[in-house]
């Protein structure tokens, strides 16, 4: 399944640096925008692999909470 995400990027000392806005913690960089896109995809794949290797906790529950946002 393919999903669309937003690559937010900027140039820092001649490097393209970016992150996937919808997924906290997925950052990368590249010498070109194309290289950044490939590196971001790799970072995402590595995150998915790492998450799939974590043990699944039984009895996990969820709860909606309210946070104040300035």
PDB file of N, CA and C in Angstrom:
ATOM      1  N   UNK A   1       0.847  -1.171   0.000  1.00  0.00           N
ATOM      2  CA  UNK A   1       0.000   0.000   0.000  1.00  0.00           C
ATOM      3  C   UNK A   1       0.896   1.238   0.000  1.00  0.00           C
ATOM      4  N   UNK A   2       0.558   2.178  -0.834  1.00  0.00           N
ATOM      5  CA  UNK A   2       1.309   3.429  -0.886  1.00  0.00           C
ATOM      6  C   UNK A   2       0.499   4.513  -0.201  1.00  0.00           C
ATOM      7  N   UNK A   3       1.194   5.341   0.566  1.00  0.00           N
ATOM      8  CA  UNK A   3       0.574   6.487   1.226  1.00  0.00           C
ATOM      9  C   UNK A   3       1.382   7.726   0.889  1.00  0.00           C
ATOM     10  N   UNK A   4       0.733   8.858   0.909  1.00  0.00           N
ATOM     11  CA  UNK A   4       1.394  10.122   0.617  1.00  0.00           C
ATOM     12  C   UNK A   4       1.756  10.822   1.922  1.00  0.00           C
ATOM     13  N   UNK A   5       2.978  11.359   1.971  1.00  0.00           N
ATOM     14  CA  UNK A   5       3.449  12.106   3.128  1.00  0.00           C
ATOM     15  C   UNK A   5       4.054  13.423   2.644  1.00  0.00           C
ATOM     16  N   UNK A   6       4.284  14.326   3.572  1.00  0.00           N
ATOM     17  CA  UNK A   6       4.848  15.631   3.257  1.00  0.00           C
ATOM     18  C   UNK A   6       6.316  15.667   3.658  1.00  0.00           C
ATOM     19  N   UNK A   7       7.188  15.912   2.677  1.00  0.00           N
ATOM     20  CA  UNK A   7       8.611  16.103   2.963  1.00  0.00           C
ATOM     21  C   UNK A   7       8.831  17.593   3.162  1.00  0.00           C
ATOM     22  N   UNK A   8       9.184  17.973   4.373  1.00  0.00           N
ATOM     23  CA  UNK A   8       9.529  19.366   4.673  1.00  0.00           C
ATOM     24  C   UNK A   8      11.054  19.438   4.649  1.00  0.00           C
ATOM     25  N   UNK A   9      11.608  20.356   3.863  1.00  0.00           N
ATOM     26  CA  UNK A   9      13.069  20.405   3.753  1.00  0.00           C
ATOM     27  C   UNK A   9      13.578  21.842   3.689  1.00  0.00           C
ATOM     28  N   UNK A  10      14.861  21.978   3.967  1.00  0.00           N
ATOM     29  CA  UNK A  10      15.538  23.266   3.951  1.00  0.00           C
ATOM     30  C   UNK A  10      16.995  23.017   3.577  1.00  0.00           C
ATOM     31  N   UNK A  11      17.701  24.073   3.237  1.00  0.00           N
ATOM     32  CA  UNK A  11      19.120  23.954   2.877  1.00  0.00           C
ATOM     33  C   UNK A  11      19.952  24.497   4.027  1.00  0.00           C
ATOM     34  N   UNK A  12      20.923  23.692   4.474  1.00  0.00           N
ATOM     35  CA  UNK A  12      21.788  24.041   5.593  1.00  0.00           C
ATOM     36  C   UNK A  12      23.224  23.733   5.174  1.00  0.00           C
ATOM     37  N   UNK A  13      24.034  24.763   5.003  1.00  0.00           N
ATOM     38  CA  UNK A  13      25.435  24.594   4.580  1.00  0.00           C
ATOM     39  C   UNK A  13      25.545  23.722   3.329  1.00  0.00           C
ATOM     40  N   UNK A  14      24.759  24.040   2.312  1.00  0.00           N
ATOM     41  CA  UNK A  14      24.768  23.337   1.020  1.00  0.00           C
ATOM     42  C   UNK A  14      24.222  21.912   1.091  1.00  0.00           C
ATOM     43  N   UNK A  15      23.610  21.500   2.180  1.00  0.00           N
ATOM     44  CA  UNK A  15      22.968  20.192   2.306  1.00  0.00           C
ATOM     45  C   UNK A  15      21.463  20.391   2.346  1.00  0.00           C
ATOM     46  N   UNK A  16      20.751  19.501   1.685  1.00  0.00           N
ATOM     47  CA  UNK A  16      19.301  19.456   1.807  1.00  0.00           C
ATOM     48  C   UNK A  16      18.983  18.613   3.035  1.00  0.00           C
ATOM     49  N   UNK A  17      18.287  19.203   3.981  1.00  0.00           N
ATOM     50  CA  UNK A  17      17.935  18.533   5.231  1.00  0.00           C
ATOM     51  C   UNK A  17      16.412  18.498   5.289  1.00  0.00           C
ATOM     52  N   UNK A  18      15.861  17.375   5.729  1.00  0.00           N
ATOM     53  CA  UNK A  18      14.406  17.309   5.740  1.00  0.00           C
ATOM     54  C   UNK A  18      13.851  16.297   6.715  1.00  0.00           C
ATOM     55  N   UNK A  19      12.529  16.343   6.804  1.00  0.00           N
ATOM     56  CA  UNK A  19      11.806  15.434   7.691  1.00  0.00           C
ATOM     57  C   UNK A  19      10.449  15.132   7.081  1.00  0.00           C
ATOM     58  N   UNK A  20       9.870  14.031   7.493  1.00  0.00           N
ATOM     59  CA  UNK A  20       8.496  13.714   7.105  1.00  0.00           C
ATOM     60  C   UNK A  20       7.604  14.324   8.178  1.00  0.00           C
ATOM     61  N   UNK A  21       6.795  15.300   7.785  1.00  0.00           N
ATOM     62  CA  UNK A  21       6.013  16.070   8.758  1.00  0.00           C
ATOM     63  C   UNK A  21       5.060  15.189   9.570  1.00  0.00           C
ATOM     64  N   UNK A  22       4.471  14.197   8.941  1.00  0.00           N
ATOM     65  CA  UNK A  22       3.464  13.380   9.616  1.00  0.00           C
ATOM     66  C   UNK A  22       4.046  12.295  10.520  1.00  0.00           C
ATOM     67  N   UNK A  23       5.353  12.089  10.452  1.00  0.00           N
ATOM     68  CA  UNK A  23       5.974  11.018  11.242  1.00  0.00           C
ATOM     69  C   UNK A  23       7.145  11.594  12.033  1.00  0.00           C
ATOM     70  N   UNK A  24       6.935  11.902  13.297  1.00  0.00           N
ATOM     71  CA  UNK A  24       8.020  12.472  14.109  1.00  0.00           C
ATOM     72  C   UNK A  24       9.240  11.546  14.153  1.00  0.00           C
ATOM     73  N   UNK A  25      10.404  12.140  14.061  1.00  0.00           N
ATOM     74  CA  UNK A  25      11.636  11.375  14.198  1.00  0.00           C
ATOM     75  C   UNK A  25      12.243  10.880  12.901  1.00  0.00           C
ATOM     76  N   UNK A  26      11.581  11.083  11.764  1.00  0.00           N
ATOM     77  CA  UNK A  26      12.154  10.642  10.488  1.00  0.00           C
ATOM     78  C   UNK A  26      12.792  11.853   9.811  1.00  0.00           C
ATOM     79  N   UNK A  27      14.105  11.973   9.993  1.00  0.00           N
ATOM     80  CA  UNK A  27      14.907  13.066   9.429  1.00  0.00           C
ATOM     81  C   UNK A  27      16.005  12.465   8.569  1.00  0.00           C
ATOM     82  N   UNK A  28      16.504  13.238   7.611  1.00  0.00           N
ATOM     83  CA  UNK A  28      17.679  12.827   6.854  1.00  0.00           C
ATOM     84  C   UNK A  28      18.256  14.041   6.141  1.00  0.00           C
ATOM     85  N   UNK A  29      19.270  13.788   5.316  1.00  0.00           N
ATOM     86  CA  UNK A  29      19.910  14.857   4.543  1.00  0.00           C
ATOM     87  C   UNK A  29      20.486  14.276   3.269  1.00  0.00           C
ATOM     88  N   UNK A  30      20.844  15.152   2.345  1.00  0.00           N
ATOM     89  CA  UNK A  30      21.455  14.725   1.095  1.00  0.00           C
ATOM     90  C   UNK A  30      22.103  15.917   0.409  1.00  0.00           C
ATOM     91  N   UNK A  31      23.008  15.625  -0.497  1.00  0.00           N
ATOM     92  CA  UNK A  31      23.682  16.705  -1.239  1.00  0.00           C
ATOM     93  C   UNK A  31      22.758  17.320  -2.287  1.00  0.00           C
ATOM     94  N   UNK A  32      21.734  16.573  -2.709  1.00  0.00           N
ATOM     95  CA  UNK A  32      20.734  17.067  -3.653  1.00  0.00           C
ATOM     96  C   UNK A  32      19.357  16.748  -3.093  1.00  0.00           C
ATOM     97  N   UNK A  33      18.339  17.366  -3.666  1.00  0.00           N
ATOM     98  CA  UNK A  33      16.971  17.072  -3.242  1.00  0.00           C
ATOM     99  C   UNK A  33      16.623  15.621  -3.537  1.00  0.00           C
ATOM    100  N   UNK A  34      17.073  15.106  -4.671  1.00  0.00           N
ATOM    101  CA  UNK A  34      16.817  13.711  -5.018  1.00  0.00           C
ATOM    102  C   UNK A  34      17.465  12.761  -4.015  1.00  0.00           C
ATOM    103  N   UNK A  35      18.699  13.076  -3.598  1.00  0.00           N
ATOM    104  CA  UNK A  35      19.385  12.243  -2.610  1.00  0.00           C
ATOM    105  C   UNK A  35      18.667  12.314  -1.262  1.00  0.00           C
ATOM    106  N   UNK A  36      18.207  13.493  -0.891  1.00  0.00           N
ATOM    107  CA  UNK A  36      17.437  13.628   0.349  1.00  0.00           C
ATOM    108  C   UNK A  36      16.196  12.745   0.291  1.00  0.00           C
ATOM    109  N   UNK A  37      15.468  12.775  -0.832  1.00  0.00           N
ATOM    110  CA  UNK A  37      14.262  11.945  -0.953  1.00  0.00           C
ATOM    111  C   UNK A  37      14.584  10.468  -0.763  1.00  0.00           C
ATOM    112  N   UNK A  38      15.644   9.982  -1.387  1.00  0.00           N
ATOM    113  CA  UNK A  38      16.035   8.572  -1.224  1.00  0.00           C
ATOM    114  C   UNK A  38      16.431   8.272   0.221  1.00  0.00           C
ATOM    115  N   UNK A  39      17.195   9.183   0.841  1.00  0.00           N
ATOM    116  CA  UNK A  39      17.632   8.968   2.221  1.00  0.00           C
ATOM    117  C   UNK A  39      16.457   8.994   3.197  1.00  0.00           C
ATOM    118  N   UNK A  40      15.476   9.854   2.938  1.00  0.00           N
ATOM    119  CA  UNK A  40      14.281   9.911   3.791  1.00  0.00           C
ATOM    120  C   UNK A  40      13.500   8.604   3.679  1.00  0.00           C
ATOM    121  N   UNK A  41      13.398   8.091   2.460  1.00  0.00           N
ATOM    122  CA  UNK A  41      12.707   6.800   2.258  1.00  0.00           C
ATOM    123  C   UNK A  41      13.432   5.690   3.014  1.00  0.00           C
ATOM    124  N   UNK A  42      14.768   5.697   2.972  1.00  0.00           N
ATOM    125  CA  UNK A  42      15.547   4.702   3.715  1.00  0.00           C
ATOM    126  C   UNK A  42      15.329   4.844   5.218  1.00  0.00           C
ATOM    127  N   UNK A  43      15.329   6.083   5.707  1.00  0.00           N
ATOM    128  CA  UNK A  43      15.114   6.321   7.142  1.00  0.00           C
ATOM    129  C   UNK A  43      13.744   5.813   7.562  1.00  0.00           C
ATOM    130  N   UNK A  44      12.738   6.025   6.718  1.00  0.00           N
ATOM    131  CA  UNK A  44      11.385   5.538   7.007  1.00  0.00           C
ATOM    132  C   UNK A  44      11.366   4.011   7.047  1.00  0.00           C
ATOM    133  N   UNK A  45      12.002   3.369   6.052  1.00  0.00           N
ATOM    134  CA  UNK A  45      12.046   1.902   6.023  1.00  0.00           C
ATOM    135  C   UNK A  45      12.735   1.350   7.268  1.00  0.00           C
ATOM    136  N   UNK A  46      13.834   1.973   7.675  1.00  0.00           N
ATOM    137  CA  UNK A  46      14.537   1.513   8.875  1.00  0.00           C
ATOM    138  C   UNK A  46      13.670   1.659  10.117  1.00  0.00           C
ATOM    139  N   UNK A  47      12.918   2.746  10.212  1.00  0.00           N
ATOM    140  CA  UNK A  47      12.037   2.947  11.354  1.00  0.00           C
ATOM    141  C   UNK A  47      10.954   1.862  11.386  1.00  0.00           C
ATOM    142  N   UNK A  48      10.388   1.539  10.229  1.00  0.00           N
ATOM    143  CA  UNK A  48       9.357   0.505  10.145  1.00  0.00           C
ATOM    144  C   UNK A  48       9.932  -0.848  10.539  1.00  0.00           C
ATOM    145  N   UNK A  49      11.126  -1.175  10.052  1.00  0.00           N
ATOM    146  CA  UNK A  49      11.778  -2.436  10.407  1.00  0.00           C
ATOM    147  C   UNK A  49      12.014  -2.520  11.906  1.00  0.00           C
ATOM    148  N   UNK A  50      12.517  -1.444  12.488  1.00  0.00           N
ATOM    149  CA  UNK A  50      12.802  -1.416  13.922  1.00  0.00           C
ATOM    150  C   UNK A  50      11.522  -1.603  14.729  1.00  0.00           C
ATOM    151  N   UNK A  51      10.456  -0.921  14.333  1.00  0.00           N
ATOM    152  CA  UNK A  51       9.181  -1.043  15.036  1.00  0.00           C
ATOM    153  C   UNK A  51       8.616  -2.453  14.932  1.00  0.00           C
ATOM    154  N   UNK A  52       8.815  -3.118  13.795  1.00  0.00           N
ATOM    155  CA  UNK A  52       8.263  -4.461  13.626  1.00  0.00           C
ATOM    156  C   UNK A  52       9.016  -5.489  14.464  1.00  0.00           C
ATOM    157  N   UNK A  53      10.233  -5.164  14.907  1.00  0.00           N
ATOM    158  CA  UNK A  53      11.015  -6.097  15.717  1.00  0.00           C
ATOM    159  C   UNK A  53      10.785  -5.912  17.212  1.00  0.00           C
ATOM    160  N   UNK A  54      10.082  -4.854  17.589  1.00  0.00           N
ATOM    161  CA  UNK A  54       9.797  -4.632  19.000  1.00  0.00           C
ATOM    162  C   UNK A  54       8.717  -5.608  19.452  1.00  0.00           C
ATOM    163  N   UNK A  55       8.811  -6.086  20.679  1.00  0.00           N
ATOM    164  CA  UNK A  55       7.767  -7.007  21.153  1.00  0.00           C
ATOM    165  C   UNK A  55       6.419  -6.300  21.238  1.00  0.00           C
ATOM    166  N   UNK A  56       5.382  -7.065  20.906  1.00  0.00           N
ATOM    167  CA  UNK A  56       4.026  -6.533  21.000  1.00  0.00           C
ATOM    168  C   UNK A  56       3.539  -6.763  22.425  1.00  0.00           C
ATOM    169  N   UNK A  57       3.077  -5.703  23.050  1.00  0.00           N
ATOM    170  CA  UNK A  57       2.602  -5.794  24.422  1.00  0.00           C
ATOM    171  C   UNK A  57       1.134  -6.203  24.422  1.00  0.00           C
ATOM    172  N   UNK A  58       0.828  -7.181  25.231  1.00  0.00           N
ATOM    173  CA  UNK A  58      -0.564  -7.585  25.342  1.00  0.00           C
ATOM    174  C   UNK A  58      -1.255  -6.690  26.352  1.00  0.00           C
ATOM    175  N   UNK A  59      -2.513  -6.481  26.169  1.00  0.00           N
ATOM    176  CA  UNK A  59      -3.270  -5.649  27.095  1.00  0.00           C
ATOM    177  C   UNK A  59      -3.097  -4.160  26.876  1.00  0.00           C
ATOM    178  N   UNK A  60      -2.530  -3.757  25.733  1.00  0.00           N
ATOM    179  CA  UNK A  60      -2.360  -2.338  25.449  1.00  0.00           C
ATOM    180  C   UNK A  60      -3.720  -1.677  25.294  1.00  0.00           C
ATOM    181  N   UNK A  61      -3.853  -0.488  25.866  1.00  0.00           N
ATOM    182  CA  UNK A  61      -5.094   0.261  25.782  1.00  0.00           C
ATOM    183  C   UNK A  61      -4.802   1.667  25.293  1.00  0.00           C
ATOM    184  N   UNK A  62      -5.817   2.364  24.875  1.00  0.00           N
ATOM    185  CA  UNK A  62      -5.655   3.751  24.469  1.00  0.00           C
ATOM    186  C   UNK A  62      -6.652   4.610  25.218  1.00  0.00           C
ATOM    187  N   UNK A  63      -6.354   5.881  25.322  1.00  0.00           N
ATOM    188  CA  UNK A  63      -7.232   6.833  25.994  1.00  0.00           C
ATOM    189  C   UNK A  63      -7.051   8.186  25.327  1.00  0.00           C
ATOM    190  N   UNK A  64      -8.141   8.841  25.004  1.00  0.00           N
ATOM    191  CA  UNK A  64      -8.061  10.180  24.436  1.00  0.00           C
ATOM    192  C   UNK A  64      -7.760  11.162  25.551  1.00  0.00           C
ATOM    193  N   UNK A  65      -6.827  12.080  25.289  1.00  0.00           N
ATOM    194  CA  UNK A  65      -6.487  13.110  26.266  1.00  0.00           C
ATOM    195  C   UNK A  65      -6.603  14.470  25.589  1.00  0.00           C
ATOM    196  N   UNK A  66      -6.696  15.506  26.409  1.00  0.00           N
ATOM    197  CA  UNK A  66      -6.786  16.863  25.907  1.00  0.00           C
ATOM    198  C   UNK A  66      -5.504  17.602  26.303  1.00  0.00           C
ATOM    199  N   UNK A  67      -4.877  18.253  25.314  1.00  0.00           N
ATOM    200  CA  UNK A  67      -3.659  19.024  25.561  1.00  0.00           C
ATOM    201  C   UNK A  67      -3.912  20.476  25.160  1.00  0.00           C
ATOM    202  N   UNK A  68      -3.391  21.383  25.941  1.00  0.00           N
ATOM    203  CA  UNK A  68      -3.509  22.798  25.595  1.00  0.00           C
ATOM    204  C   UNK A  68      -2.383  23.164  24.635  1.00  0.00           C
ATOM    205  N   UNK A  69      -2.747  23.764  23.522  1.00  0.00           N
ATOM    206  CA  UNK A  69      -1.787  24.143  22.496  1.00  0.00           C
ATOM    207  C   UNK A  69      -1.800  25.663  22.375  1.00  0.00           C
ATOM    208  N   UNK A  70      -0.619  26.263  22.532  1.00  0.00           N
ATOM    209  CA  UNK A  70      -0.533  27.722  22.488  1.00  0.00           C
ATOM    210  C   UNK A  70      -0.645  28.235  21.080  1.00  0.00           C
TER     211      UNK A  70
END
